[in-house]
Amino acid sequence: MLNHYHIILGSNSPRRKELMKGLGIPFTVDTGNTFEESVPPGTPFDEVPVLMAEGKSEGFHRPLEPDEILITADTMVILPPSPGRPGEILGKPRDREDAARMLRDLSGREHHVTTAVTLRSLTKKITLTDTTEVWFKPLSDEEIYHYIDTCRPFDKAGAYAIQEWIGHIGITRIDGSFFNVVGFPVHSVWEALSHWE
């Protein structure tokens, strides 16, 4: 299955690489890209990952060969609007205090994790999205700073990884794919690849 295709993962994320390995499909990693991440003002939050994943795909540094499928992805942590405050996209924290701010914002409430994945060959392109709802218990500052100082989540959207300590002690419920929160909805990627023509 897919033996006549060469799969390219256009991501340096160790989580995505590990999840791709779990599919049992041979692939290589190539992150050469000219895409500059920017979003037009007023873009709905749930459309931002799509723009990013497709931008990364189209910005790949070379033309694809006939037997290649390129996979690019983007994950966003989204705080939905609540009384008295607008919604917000939580990107990667700038520093320790920015990470603490994000985790305080996530504390005791629901948020959404949306991943968009673009799969592209010379003759076909599809973009799929997956959204998971996640609930955190109220987090103490002691818990927040312990996590930041031991796991240093500065390369993670929303300043956390569900598979790390903060997820073990803090997440009380998820509705949707666990692996999507890790950063790659492998069930959807598998479905897309298994029906590729």
Foldseek 3Di string as FASTA:
>chain_A
DLPQAEEEEQDPDPLVVVVVVVVVDDYYYDNAFDQDDDDPPPDPPLCRFVCVQVSSVVGHPDAADQRYKYKGKDKWKKAPDDPPGHIDTFAFAPDLVSLLVLVQVQEAAKIKMKMKMWIDHPVDIDIDMFIKIWHWYHDDSVRSNVCCVPVVQRNGGSNDACPDPCVVPTIDDMGGDNSVSNPDPVVVVVVPVVPDD
